[in-house]
N, C-alpha and C. Protein backbone atom coordinates (compact mmCIF):
# COMPACT_ATOMS: atom_id res chain seq x y z
N MET A 1 62.61 122.82 128.62
CA MET A 1 63.94 123.17 129.11
C MET A 1 63.89 124.54 129.78
N VAL A 2 64.80 124.74 130.69
CA VAL A 2 64.84 125.96 131.48
C VAL A 2 65.88 126.93 130.90
N VAL A 3 65.55 128.21 130.93
CA VAL A 3 66.49 129.25 130.55
C VAL A 3 67.31 129.61 131.78
N LYS A 4 68.63 129.53 131.64
CA LYS A 4 69.53 129.80 132.76
C LYS A 4 69.84 131.29 132.87
N ASP A 5 70.12 131.74 134.08
CA ASP A 5 70.44 133.15 134.30
C ASP A 5 71.60 133.63 133.43
N GLU A 6 72.60 132.77 133.22
CA GLU A 6 73.76 133.18 132.41
C GLU A 6 73.42 133.35 130.93
N GLU A 7 72.22 132.91 130.53
CA GLU A 7 71.78 133.09 129.14
C GLU A 7 71.06 134.42 128.92
N LEU A 8 70.67 135.08 129.99
CA LEU A 8 69.91 136.33 129.87
C LEU A 8 70.64 137.43 129.11
N PRO A 9 71.97 137.59 129.23
CA PRO A 9 72.63 138.63 128.42
C PRO A 9 72.46 138.40 126.91
N TYR A 10 72.49 137.16 126.47
CA TYR A 10 72.28 136.88 125.05
C TYR A 10 70.85 137.27 124.64
N LEU A 11 69.90 136.97 125.51
CA LEU A 11 68.50 137.30 125.21
C LEU A 11 68.27 138.80 125.25
N ARG A 12 68.93 139.49 126.15
CA ARG A 12 68.82 140.95 126.18
C ARG A 12 69.38 141.55 124.88
N ARG A 13 70.47 140.95 124.39
CA ARG A 13 71.02 141.42 123.11
C ARG A 13 70.01 141.19 121.98
N CYS A 14 69.29 140.09 122.02
CA CYS A 14 68.26 139.84 121.01
C CYS A 14 67.20 140.93 121.03
N VAL A 15 66.80 141.35 122.23
CA VAL A 15 65.82 142.43 122.35
C VAL A 15 66.41 143.73 121.80
N GLU A 16 67.68 144.00 122.08
CA GLU A 16 68.35 145.19 121.51
C GLU A 16 68.35 145.14 119.99
N LEU A 17 68.65 143.97 119.43
CA LEU A 17 68.65 143.82 117.97
C LEU A 17 67.24 144.01 117.40
N ALA A 18 66.24 143.53 118.12
CA ALA A 18 64.84 143.73 117.68
C ALA A 18 64.52 145.23 117.67
N ALA A 19 65.00 145.95 118.67
CA ALA A 19 64.79 147.40 118.71
C ALA A 19 65.52 148.08 117.55
N GLU A 20 66.72 147.61 117.21
CA GLU A 20 67.45 148.15 116.06
C GLU A 20 66.66 147.92 114.77
N ALA A 21 66.05 146.76 114.65
CA ALA A 21 65.23 146.48 113.47
C ALA A 21 64.07 147.48 113.39
N LEU A 22 63.41 147.68 114.52
CA LEU A 22 62.30 148.63 114.57
C LEU A 22 62.77 150.03 114.18
N GLU A 23 63.90 150.45 114.71
CA GLU A 23 64.44 151.78 114.41
C GLU A 23 64.75 151.95 112.92
N SER A 24 65.06 150.84 112.24
CA SER A 24 65.34 150.92 110.81
C SER A 24 64.10 150.66 109.96
N GLY A 25 62.92 150.63 110.62
CA GLY A 25 61.66 150.48 109.89
C GLY A 25 61.24 149.05 109.63
N ASP A 26 61.84 148.12 110.34
CA ASP A 26 61.55 146.70 110.11
C ASP A 26 60.83 146.09 111.30
N GLU A 27 60.31 144.89 111.08
CA GLU A 27 59.65 144.17 112.16
C GLU A 27 60.66 143.84 113.24
N PRO A 28 60.26 143.95 114.52
CA PRO A 28 61.22 143.82 115.62
C PRO A 28 61.53 142.38 116.03
N PHE A 29 62.51 141.82 115.35
CA PHE A 29 63.03 140.50 115.70
C PHE A 29 64.55 140.57 115.67
N GLY A 30 65.19 139.92 116.64
CA GLY A 30 66.64 139.87 116.68
C GLY A 30 67.12 138.53 117.21
N SER A 31 68.27 138.07 116.71
CA SER A 31 68.80 136.76 117.08
C SER A 31 70.32 136.79 117.19
N VAL A 32 70.83 135.89 118.04
CA VAL A 32 72.27 135.77 118.28
C VAL A 32 72.64 134.29 118.20
N LEU A 33 73.72 133.97 117.48
CA LEU A 33 74.25 132.61 117.38
C LEU A 33 75.45 132.51 118.31
N VAL A 34 75.40 131.56 119.26
CA VAL A 34 76.44 131.42 120.26
C VAL A 34 77.04 130.01 120.19
N ALA A 35 78.36 129.95 120.14
CA ALA A 35 79.08 128.67 120.10
C ALA A 35 78.91 127.93 121.42
N GLY A 36 79.23 126.66 121.40
CA GLY A 36 79.15 125.83 122.60
C GLY A 36 79.98 126.35 123.76
N ASP A 37 81.04 127.12 123.48
CA ASP A 37 81.88 127.68 124.55
C ASP A 37 81.40 129.06 125.02
N GLY A 38 80.27 129.55 124.47
CA GLY A 38 79.73 130.83 124.89
C GLY A 38 80.15 132.01 124.03
N THR A 39 80.97 131.78 123.02
CA THR A 39 81.41 132.86 122.14
C THR A 39 80.28 133.25 121.19
N VAL A 40 80.02 134.55 121.10
CA VAL A 40 79.03 135.04 120.13
C VAL A 40 79.68 134.99 118.75
N LEU A 41 79.05 134.24 117.85
CA LEU A 41 79.60 134.04 116.50
C LEU A 41 79.00 134.98 115.48
N ALA A 42 77.71 135.25 115.60
CA ALA A 42 77.01 136.09 114.62
C ALA A 42 75.72 136.58 115.25
N GLU A 43 75.22 137.68 114.72
CA GLU A 43 73.94 138.20 115.17
C GLU A 43 73.28 138.93 114.01
N ASP A 44 71.97 139.07 114.09
CA ASP A 44 71.26 139.75 113.01
C ASP A 44 69.89 140.17 113.53
N HIS A 45 69.23 141.00 112.73
CA HIS A 45 67.85 141.38 113.02
C HIS A 45 67.04 141.28 111.74
N ASN A 46 65.75 141.39 111.86
CA ASN A 46 64.86 141.26 110.71
C ASN A 46 65.22 142.27 109.63
N ARG A 47 65.11 141.84 108.38
CA ARG A 47 65.39 142.69 107.23
C ARG A 47 64.32 142.49 106.15
N VAL A 48 63.10 142.22 106.56
CA VAL A 48 62.04 141.93 105.60
C VAL A 48 61.45 143.17 104.96
N ALA A 49 61.73 144.36 105.49
CA ALA A 49 61.20 145.60 104.92
C ALA A 49 61.68 145.80 103.48
N SER A 50 62.75 145.11 103.11
CA SER A 50 63.27 145.20 101.74
C SER A 50 62.32 144.57 100.73
N GLY A 51 61.35 143.80 101.23
CA GLY A 51 60.42 143.09 100.35
C GLY A 51 60.67 141.60 100.30
N ASP A 52 61.84 141.17 100.75
CA ASP A 52 62.16 139.74 100.80
C ASP A 52 61.74 139.22 102.17
N ARG A 53 60.60 138.56 102.23
CA ARG A 53 60.03 138.09 103.50
C ARG A 53 60.80 136.92 104.11
N THR A 54 61.83 136.43 103.44
CA THR A 54 62.65 135.35 104.01
C THR A 54 63.83 135.89 104.81
N ARG A 55 64.00 137.19 104.91
CA ARG A 55 65.16 137.79 105.58
C ARG A 55 64.98 137.85 107.10
N HIS A 56 64.59 136.72 107.68
CA HIS A 56 64.48 136.60 109.14
C HIS A 56 65.88 136.34 109.71
N PRO A 57 66.18 136.86 110.90
CA PRO A 57 67.52 136.67 111.45
C PRO A 57 67.85 135.20 111.72
N GLU A 58 66.86 134.42 112.13
CA GLU A 58 67.11 133.00 112.42
C GLU A 58 67.51 132.24 111.16
N PHE A 59 66.88 132.58 110.04
CA PHE A 59 67.20 131.97 108.76
C PHE A 59 68.60 132.37 108.31
N GLU A 60 68.91 133.66 108.48
CA GLU A 60 70.25 134.16 108.12
C GLU A 60 71.33 133.48 108.95
N LEU A 61 71.08 133.29 110.25
CA LEU A 61 72.07 132.64 111.10
C LEU A 61 72.23 131.16 110.75
N ALA A 62 71.15 130.50 110.35
CA ALA A 62 71.25 129.11 109.89
C ALA A 62 72.15 129.03 108.65
N ARG A 63 71.93 129.94 107.71
CA ARG A 63 72.75 129.96 106.49
C ARG A 63 74.21 130.27 106.83
N TRP A 64 74.44 131.24 107.72
CA TRP A 64 75.80 131.60 108.13
C TRP A 64 76.48 130.38 108.75
N SER A 65 75.77 129.69 109.63
CA SER A 65 76.37 128.54 110.31
C SER A 65 76.75 127.43 109.33
N ALA A 66 75.93 127.22 108.32
CA ALA A 66 76.23 126.19 107.32
C ALA A 66 77.51 126.51 106.56
N ALA A 67 77.76 127.80 106.34
CA ALA A 67 78.93 128.23 105.59
C ALA A 67 80.20 128.32 106.43
N HIS A 68 80.06 128.49 107.75
CA HIS A 68 81.22 128.79 108.58
C HIS A 68 81.51 127.82 109.72
N MET A 69 80.66 126.83 109.92
CA MET A 69 80.83 125.93 111.07
C MET A 69 80.77 124.48 110.63
N SER A 70 81.47 123.63 111.36
CA SER A 70 81.40 122.19 111.11
C SER A 70 80.07 121.65 111.66
N PRO A 71 79.66 120.47 111.23
CA PRO A 71 78.44 119.89 111.80
C PRO A 71 78.48 119.77 113.32
N ALA A 72 79.63 119.40 113.89
CA ALA A 72 79.74 119.29 115.34
C ALA A 72 79.61 120.65 116.02
N GLU A 73 80.22 121.67 115.43
CA GLU A 73 80.11 123.02 115.99
C GLU A 73 78.66 123.51 115.94
N ARG A 74 77.98 123.24 114.84
CA ARG A 74 76.57 123.65 114.72
C ARG A 74 75.72 122.95 115.78
N ALA A 75 75.95 121.68 115.98
CA ALA A 75 75.16 120.92 116.96
C ALA A 75 75.37 121.43 118.38
N ALA A 76 76.56 121.95 118.67
CA ALA A 76 76.86 122.45 120.02
C ALA A 76 76.42 123.90 120.22
N ALA A 77 76.04 124.58 119.16
CA ALA A 77 75.68 125.99 119.23
C ALA A 77 74.24 126.19 119.70
N THR A 78 73.95 127.41 120.13
CA THR A 78 72.60 127.81 120.54
C THR A 78 72.21 129.06 119.78
N VAL A 79 70.97 129.11 119.33
CA VAL A 79 70.42 130.33 118.74
C VAL A 79 69.49 130.96 119.77
N TYR A 80 69.83 132.17 120.17
CA TYR A 80 69.00 132.96 121.07
C TYR A 80 68.21 133.92 120.21
N THR A 81 66.94 134.13 120.54
CA THR A 81 66.12 134.96 119.68
C THR A 81 65.00 135.64 120.46
N SER A 82 64.59 136.79 119.95
CA SER A 82 63.54 137.55 120.63
C SER A 82 62.19 136.86 120.50
N GLY A 83 61.99 136.11 119.43
CA GLY A 83 60.73 135.42 119.20
C GLY A 83 60.98 134.01 118.70
N GLU A 84 60.14 133.09 119.12
CA GLU A 84 60.26 131.71 118.67
C GLU A 84 60.31 131.65 117.15
N HIS A 85 61.11 130.75 116.63
CA HIS A 85 61.26 130.59 115.19
C HIS A 85 59.92 130.33 114.50
N CYS A 86 59.73 130.94 113.34
CA CYS A 86 58.59 130.62 112.50
C CYS A 86 58.86 129.25 111.84
N PRO A 87 57.88 128.67 111.15
CA PRO A 87 58.12 127.37 110.51
C PRO A 87 59.30 127.37 109.53
N MET A 88 59.45 128.44 108.74
CA MET A 88 60.57 128.51 107.79
C MET A 88 61.90 128.46 108.52
N CYS A 89 62.02 129.25 109.59
CA CYS A 89 63.28 129.32 110.33
C CYS A 89 63.54 128.06 111.13
N ALA A 90 62.49 127.46 111.69
CA ALA A 90 62.66 126.20 112.42
C ALA A 90 63.17 125.11 111.48
N ALA A 91 62.63 125.07 110.27
CA ALA A 91 63.09 124.08 109.29
C ALA A 91 64.55 124.32 108.92
N ALA A 92 64.92 125.57 108.65
CA ALA A 92 66.31 125.88 108.30
C ALA A 92 67.25 125.49 109.44
N HIS A 93 66.84 125.79 110.66
CA HIS A 93 67.62 125.47 111.85
C HIS A 93 67.87 123.95 111.92
N ALA A 94 66.82 123.18 111.74
CA ALA A 94 66.94 121.72 111.80
C ALA A 94 67.74 121.17 110.62
N TRP A 95 67.51 121.69 109.42
CA TRP A 95 68.20 121.18 108.24
C TRP A 95 69.71 121.38 108.33
N VAL A 96 70.19 122.48 108.92
CA VAL A 96 71.64 122.68 109.02
C VAL A 96 72.22 122.05 110.28
N GLY A 97 71.36 121.53 111.16
CA GLY A 97 71.84 120.80 112.33
C GLY A 97 72.28 121.66 113.50
N LEU A 98 71.67 122.84 113.62
CA LEU A 98 71.99 123.67 114.79
C LEU A 98 71.43 123.04 116.05
N GLY A 99 72.00 123.43 117.19
CA GLY A 99 71.57 122.90 118.48
C GLY A 99 70.35 123.61 119.02
N ARG A 100 70.40 123.93 120.26
CA ARG A 100 69.28 124.47 121.02
C ARG A 100 68.79 125.83 120.52
N ILE A 101 67.50 126.10 120.74
CA ILE A 101 66.88 127.40 120.51
C ILE A 101 66.38 127.91 121.85
N VAL A 102 66.69 129.17 122.16
CA VAL A 102 66.18 129.82 123.36
C VAL A 102 65.51 131.11 122.92
N TYR A 103 64.22 131.28 123.26
CA TYR A 103 63.50 132.46 122.80
C TYR A 103 62.87 133.22 123.97
N VAL A 104 62.69 134.53 123.75
CA VAL A 104 62.05 135.39 124.75
C VAL A 104 60.55 135.19 124.73
N THR A 105 59.95 135.24 123.54
CA THR A 105 58.49 135.12 123.42
C THR A 105 58.13 133.98 122.47
N SER A 106 57.04 133.32 122.77
CA SER A 106 56.60 132.20 121.95
C SER A 106 55.78 132.68 120.74
N SER A 107 55.65 131.81 119.78
CA SER A 107 54.81 132.10 118.62
C SER A 107 53.37 132.34 119.05
N ALA A 108 52.91 131.58 120.03
CA ALA A 108 51.54 131.74 120.53
C ALA A 108 51.36 133.11 121.17
N GLN A 109 52.35 133.57 121.94
CA GLN A 109 52.26 134.90 122.54
C GLN A 109 52.17 135.97 121.45
N LEU A 110 53.06 135.87 120.46
CA LEU A 110 53.07 136.85 119.38
C LEU A 110 51.74 136.86 118.64
N ALA A 111 51.22 135.69 118.32
CA ALA A 111 49.94 135.61 117.61
C ALA A 111 48.83 136.28 118.42
N SER A 112 48.85 136.08 119.71
CA SER A 112 47.84 136.69 120.58
C SER A 112 47.97 138.21 120.57
N TRP A 113 49.19 138.72 120.70
CA TRP A 113 49.41 140.16 120.69
C TRP A 113 48.98 140.78 119.37
N LEU A 114 49.33 140.14 118.27
CA LEU A 114 48.99 140.69 116.97
C LEU A 114 47.48 140.68 116.75
N ALA A 115 46.81 139.65 117.23
CA ALA A 115 45.35 139.60 117.13
C ALA A 115 44.73 140.76 117.93
N GLU A 116 45.26 141.02 119.13
CA GLU A 116 44.78 142.14 119.95
C GLU A 116 44.95 143.47 119.23
N LEU A 117 46.01 143.58 118.43
CA LEU A 117 46.28 144.81 117.69
C LEU A 117 45.53 144.88 116.36
N GLY A 118 44.81 143.81 116.02
CA GLY A 118 44.06 143.78 114.77
C GLY A 118 44.91 143.53 113.54
N VAL A 119 46.08 142.94 113.74
CA VAL A 119 46.98 142.65 112.62
C VAL A 119 46.49 141.38 111.92
N PRO A 120 46.35 141.40 110.59
CA PRO A 120 45.92 140.19 109.89
C PRO A 120 46.89 139.02 110.11
N ALA A 121 46.35 137.82 110.07
CA ALA A 121 47.17 136.61 110.25
C ALA A 121 48.20 136.52 109.12
N PRO A 122 49.37 135.96 109.43
CA PRO A 122 50.40 135.80 108.39
C PRO A 122 49.99 134.74 107.37
N PRO A 123 50.67 134.71 106.22
CA PRO A 123 50.32 133.74 105.19
C PRO A 123 50.77 132.32 105.52
N VAL A 124 51.61 132.17 106.54
CA VAL A 124 52.11 130.86 106.96
C VAL A 124 51.56 130.59 108.36
N ARG A 125 51.11 129.39 108.57
CA ARG A 125 50.53 129.01 109.85
C ARG A 125 51.53 129.20 110.99
N THR A 126 51.05 129.70 112.12
CA THR A 126 51.88 129.86 113.31
C THR A 126 51.96 128.51 114.02
N LEU A 127 53.17 127.99 114.14
CA LEU A 127 53.40 126.69 114.78
C LEU A 127 54.59 126.81 115.73
N ALA A 128 54.57 126.00 116.77
CA ALA A 128 55.71 125.93 117.67
C ALA A 128 56.86 125.19 116.99
N VAL A 129 58.08 125.49 117.39
CA VAL A 129 59.26 124.85 116.81
C VAL A 129 59.14 123.33 116.85
N HIS A 130 58.71 122.78 117.98
CA HIS A 130 58.68 121.31 118.11
C HIS A 130 57.71 120.66 117.12
N GLU A 131 56.78 121.41 116.56
CA GLU A 131 55.88 120.86 115.55
C GLU A 131 56.57 120.74 114.18
N ILE A 132 57.60 121.53 113.97
CA ILE A 132 58.35 121.52 112.71
C ILE A 132 59.62 120.69 112.85
N ALA A 133 60.31 120.88 113.95
CA ALA A 133 61.62 120.25 114.19
C ALA A 133 61.59 119.59 115.57
N PRO A 134 60.96 118.42 115.68
CA PRO A 134 60.74 117.81 116.99
C PRO A 134 62.00 117.43 117.76
N GLU A 135 63.12 117.29 117.10
CA GLU A 135 64.35 116.88 117.78
C GLU A 135 65.16 118.06 118.31
N VAL A 136 64.77 119.29 117.97
CA VAL A 136 65.51 120.46 118.42
C VAL A 136 65.09 120.80 119.85
N ALA A 137 66.06 120.98 120.73
CA ALA A 137 65.79 121.37 122.11
C ALA A 137 65.42 122.85 122.13
N VAL A 138 64.35 123.18 122.84
CA VAL A 138 63.83 124.54 122.86
C VAL A 138 63.58 124.97 124.30
N ALA A 139 63.90 126.24 124.61
CA ALA A 139 63.61 126.81 125.92
C ALA A 139 62.99 128.18 125.73
N GLY A 140 62.03 128.51 126.56
CA GLY A 140 61.35 129.80 126.51
C GLY A 140 59.88 129.58 126.80
N PRO A 141 59.13 130.59 126.99
CA PRO A 141 59.49 132.00 126.94
C PRO A 141 60.17 132.49 128.22
N VAL A 142 60.58 133.76 128.17
CA VAL A 142 61.27 134.39 129.29
C VAL A 142 60.42 135.59 129.75
N PRO A 143 59.57 135.38 130.75
CA PRO A 143 58.62 136.43 131.15
C PRO A 143 59.24 137.78 131.50
N GLN A 144 60.44 137.79 132.09
CA GLN A 144 61.02 139.07 132.50
C GLN A 144 61.44 139.95 131.33
N LEU A 145 61.51 139.40 130.12
CA LEU A 145 61.85 140.20 128.93
C LEU A 145 60.69 140.31 127.94
N ALA A 146 59.67 139.52 128.12
CA ALA A 146 58.56 139.46 127.16
C ALA A 146 57.84 140.80 127.00
N GLY A 147 57.70 141.54 128.07
CA GLY A 147 57.02 142.83 127.98
C GLY A 147 57.73 143.80 127.05
N GLN A 148 59.05 143.76 127.05
CA GLN A 148 59.81 144.63 126.14
C GLN A 148 59.56 144.26 124.69
N VAL A 149 59.52 142.97 124.40
CA VAL A 149 59.28 142.51 123.03
C VAL A 149 57.86 142.87 122.61
N ARG A 150 56.91 142.68 123.52
CA ARG A 150 55.52 143.04 123.19
C ARG A 150 55.42 144.52 122.84
N GLU A 151 56.09 145.37 123.60
CA GLU A 151 56.03 146.81 123.33
C GLU A 151 56.65 147.15 121.98
N LEU A 152 57.72 146.48 121.59
CA LEU A 152 58.32 146.71 120.26
C LEU A 152 57.33 146.36 119.16
N HIS A 153 56.63 145.25 119.31
CA HIS A 153 55.64 144.87 118.30
C HIS A 153 54.46 145.84 118.28
N ARG A 154 54.05 146.30 119.47
CA ARG A 154 52.96 147.28 119.52
C ARG A 154 53.38 148.55 118.77
N ARG A 155 54.59 149.02 119.03
CA ARG A 155 55.08 150.23 118.35
C ARG A 155 55.15 150.03 116.84
N PHE A 156 55.64 148.90 116.41
CA PHE A 156 55.75 148.63 114.98
C PHE A 156 54.38 148.65 114.30
N HIS A 157 53.44 147.94 114.86
CA HIS A 157 52.13 147.81 114.22
C HIS A 157 51.26 149.05 114.39
N ARG A 158 51.42 149.78 115.46
CA ARG A 158 50.71 151.06 115.61
C ARG A 158 51.23 152.06 114.60
N GLY A 159 52.54 152.00 114.35
CA GLY A 159 53.14 152.92 113.39
C GLY A 159 52.72 152.66 111.96
N ARG A 160 52.25 151.46 111.68
CA ARG A 160 51.84 151.10 110.32
C ARG A 160 50.38 151.40 110.07
N GLY A 161 49.60 151.50 111.17
CA GLY A 161 48.15 151.64 111.03
C GLY A 161 47.67 152.98 110.78
């Protein structure tokens, strides 16, 4: 699927949220939940620095949507995110019945960047969303924003080393 020009502001906000996460000492990921009519419903950034590695923004938005939206509203919504969903978040997204996912950078891109930086592999296998949730429509990556996300990850991991 193609990322439309009118979706770029949502993706730019995801990059801003990822930068906010980095500024608060967390891994740079940010996500925005948008209703079918284009209304921003919720947004979040990574909060795993607390020690709870499940505090990904995509997972939080899936939980929020289950509590605040009807099944039809969830199906019509889109989750915009700075990075493609991990397997945990892709599963949560599919289980609550959210609609499309649009990401700036793919899991494969992130894995490549982290390997270049010498970051150890995560404890969960890196997989594309369609391998976890094959019925979820996915669009990305977005090359014009990917460099910004890569730089946030470089800053985060250089600061830890």
